[in-house]
Amino acid sequence: MGKKPVPANSNTANKHKEKRLARKLEQRRIADGMTHVTSANRLQDIASLCKELLVYKNDDLEVEMYIQRVSDLEKSVLEWAIDLTETNMKTLYETCAWGWNKTRKVDEMTDDAAWYLIAKHKDGSLLAFSHFRFDMDFGEPVLYW
């Protein structure tokens, strides 16, 4: 009565089992991340989560801000944002490996998942914007801002 002989391939079997477990854990992690991204993309009114932060006032300046999905943004505001991006960023993009591609940039800025934070002066003139979206990157939930 001794020990059972250990098959020569038991190490291999354990390694395969560990790999399967690791793969399942990674798939679960990615699925959990995608659940967060999907939930964020289902939000209808992000502004209600931060109302008090959407007004800026000092002695010289009063700024009102609002957050909208690209699909709800006025066409003139979207065109302004695209033009401002080209004016401010084209030269910078041209100096890097990505290069400037207006069609690709417009596609990115008008993607269904896109949100905009728009800042305007109290007189209604547009001042600034930020474009953002919730997404996955290398298996991680991210906020591209």
Protein backbone atom coordinates (compact mmCIF):
# COMPACT_ATOMS: atom_id res chain seq x y z
CA MET A 1 0.00 0.00 0.00
CA GLY A 2 1.90 2.97 -1.14
CA LYS A 3 1.15 6.21 -2.80
CA LYS A 4 -0.67 6.21 -6.08
CA PRO A 5 1.63 6.81 -8.97
CA VAL A 6 1.34 10.35 -10.33
CA PRO A 7 0.71 10.37 -14.05
CA ALA A 8 3.42 12.12 -16.02
CA ASN A 9 0.94 14.62 -17.43
CA SER A 10 -0.63 15.78 -14.13
CA ASN A 11 1.43 19.00 -14.23
CA THR A 12 0.16 19.62 -17.74
CA ALA A 13 -3.43 18.95 -16.66
CA ASN A 14 -3.05 21.38 -13.73
CA LYS A 15 -1.58 24.04 -16.00
CA HIS A 16 -4.50 23.66 -18.43
CA LYS A 17 -6.93 23.89 -15.54
CA GLU A 18 -5.22 27.05 -14.25
CA LYS A 19 -5.30 28.59 -17.73
CA ARG A 20 -9.02 27.81 -18.11
CA LEU A 21 -9.71 29.35 -14.70
CA ALA A 22 -7.64 32.45 -15.52
CA ARG A 23 -9.45 32.81 -18.85
CA LYS A 24 -12.85 32.52 -17.13
CA LEU A 25 -11.84 35.12 -14.53
CA GLU A 26 -10.65 37.49 -17.27
CA GLN A 27 -13.89 37.02 -19.21
CA ARG A 28 -15.88 37.72 -16.03
CA ARG A 29 -13.83 40.86 -15.35
CA ILE A 30 -14.43 42.13 -18.89
CA ALA A 31 -18.14 41.29 -18.70
CA ASP A 32 -18.39 43.18 -15.39
CA GLY A 33 -16.64 46.18 -16.97
CA MET A 34 -18.98 46.07 -19.95
CA THR A 35 -21.94 46.05 -17.54
CA HIS A 36 -20.65 49.32 -16.04
CA VAL A 37 -20.15 50.87 -19.49
CA THR A 38 -23.61 49.77 -20.62
CA SER A 39 -25.17 51.23 -17.47
CA ALA A 40 -23.35 54.53 -18.00
CA ASN A 41 -24.45 54.65 -21.64
CA ARG A 42 -28.07 54.14 -20.58
CA LEU A 43 -28.03 57.29 -18.46
CA GLN A 44 -30.49 59.85 -19.73
CA ASP A 45 -29.55 62.87 -17.64
CA ILE A 46 -25.98 63.11 -16.38
CA ALA A 47 -26.44 66.79 -15.51
CA SER A 48 -28.82 65.93 -12.67
CA LEU A 49 -25.91 64.14 -10.97
CA CYS A 50 -23.83 67.33 -10.81
CA LYS A 51 -26.21 70.31 -11.09
CA GLU A 52 -24.33 72.43 -8.56
CA LEU A 53 -21.14 72.15 -10.64
CA LEU A 54 -22.71 73.45 -13.86
CA VAL A 55 -22.63 77.14 -12.95
CA TYR A 56 -19.51 79.24 -12.51
CA LYS A 57 -19.62 82.84 -11.33
CA ASN A 58 -17.01 85.39 -10.36
CA ASP A 59 -16.88 89.18 -10.55
CA ASP A 60 -16.21 89.26 -14.28
CA LEU A 61 -17.73 86.09 -15.63
CA GLU A 62 -20.86 84.00 -15.38
CA VAL A 63 -20.80 80.65 -17.16
CA GLU A 64 -23.63 78.17 -17.48
CA MET A 65 -22.94 74.60 -18.55
CA TYR A 66 -25.07 71.76 -19.76
CA ILE A 67 -24.50 68.12 -20.68
CA GLN A 68 -26.18 66.45 -23.65
CA ARG A 69 -25.84 63.39 -25.81
CA VAL A 70 -24.63 64.17 -29.30
CA SER A 71 -28.04 63.12 -30.65
CA ASP A 72 -29.72 65.87 -28.57
CA LEU A 73 -27.20 68.59 -29.33
CA GLU A 74 -28.29 71.46 -31.57
CA LYS A 75 -26.71 71.10 -35.01
CA SER A 76 -25.16 74.58 -34.79
CA VAL A 77 -23.50 73.71 -31.46
CA LEU A 78 -22.09 70.46 -32.87
CA GLU A 79 -20.75 72.27 -35.94
CA TRP A 80 -19.16 74.89 -33.66
CA ALA A 81 -17.49 72.12 -31.60
CA ILE A 82 -16.15 70.40 -34.72
CA ASP A 83 -14.83 73.69 -36.13
CA LEU A 84 -13.24 74.60 -32.78
CA THR A 85 -11.57 71.18 -32.62
CA GLU A 86 -10.10 71.64 -36.08
CA THR A 87 -8.96 75.19 -35.31
CA ASN A 88 -7.29 74.19 -32.04
CA MET A 89 -6.08 70.66 -32.74
CA LYS A 90 -5.35 70.19 -36.45
CA THR A 91 -1.75 71.45 -36.27
CA LEU A 92 -1.04 69.34 -33.20
CA TYR A 93 -2.45 66.21 -34.86
CA GLU A 94 -0.40 66.90 -38.00
CA THR A 95 2.81 66.80 -35.94
CA CYS A 96 2.13 63.33 -34.52
CA ALA A 97 1.90 59.85 -36.02
CA TRP A 98 -1.92 59.94 -36.08
CA GLY A 99 -2.06 62.85 -38.48
CA TRP A 100 -5.20 64.92 -39.04
CA ASN A 101 -8.19 63.19 -40.61
CA LYS A 102 -11.28 65.38 -40.36
CA THR A 103 -13.66 62.61 -41.44
CA ARG A 104 -12.37 60.27 -38.74
CA LYS A 105 -12.50 63.06 -36.12
CA VAL A 106 -16.08 63.97 -37.06
CA ASP A 107 -17.05 60.28 -36.88
CA GLU A 108 -15.56 60.12 -33.38
CA MET A 109 -17.28 63.32 -32.29
CA THR A 110 -20.67 62.22 -33.63
CA ASP A 111 -20.54 58.60 -32.41
CA ASP A 112 -23.84 57.55 -30.83
CA ALA A 113 -22.11 57.11 -27.44
CA ALA A 114 -20.75 60.69 -27.43
CA TRP A 115 -21.70 63.19 -24.75
CA TYR A 116 -20.89 66.90 -24.62
CA LEU A 117 -20.35 69.31 -21.78
CA ILE A 118 -21.03 72.77 -23.23
CA ALA A 119 -20.05 76.00 -21.48
CA LYS A 120 -21.72 79.22 -22.53
CA HIS A 121 -21.64 82.79 -21.32
CA LYS A 122 -24.79 84.07 -19.61
CA ASP A 123 -25.45 86.04 -22.82
CA GLY A 124 -25.70 82.72 -24.68
CA SER A 125 -22.38 82.85 -26.54
CA LEU A 126 -20.54 79.54 -26.65
CA LEU A 127 -17.27 79.44 -24.69
CA ALA A 128 -15.96 75.89 -24.50
CA PHE A 129 -16.86 72.24 -24.74
CA SER A 130 -15.68 68.83 -23.69
CA HIS A 131 -16.51 65.67 -25.58
CA PHE A 132 -16.63 62.38 -23.68
CA ARG A 133 -17.89 58.82 -23.84
CA PHE A 134 -17.99 55.68 -21.73
CA ASP A 135 -16.19 52.75 -23.36
CA MET A 136 -13.96 49.73 -22.92
CA ASP A 137 -10.21 49.86 -23.58
CA PHE A 138 -7.95 46.82 -23.26
CA GLY A 139 -10.66 45.09 -21.25
CA GLU A 140 -11.09 47.97 -18.79
CA PRO A 141 -14.07 50.31 -18.47
CA VAL A 142 -12.91 53.86 -19.23
CA LEU A 143 -14.19 57.37 -19.62
CA TYR A 144 -12.64 59.02 -22.66
CA TRP A 145 -12.73 62.76 -22.00
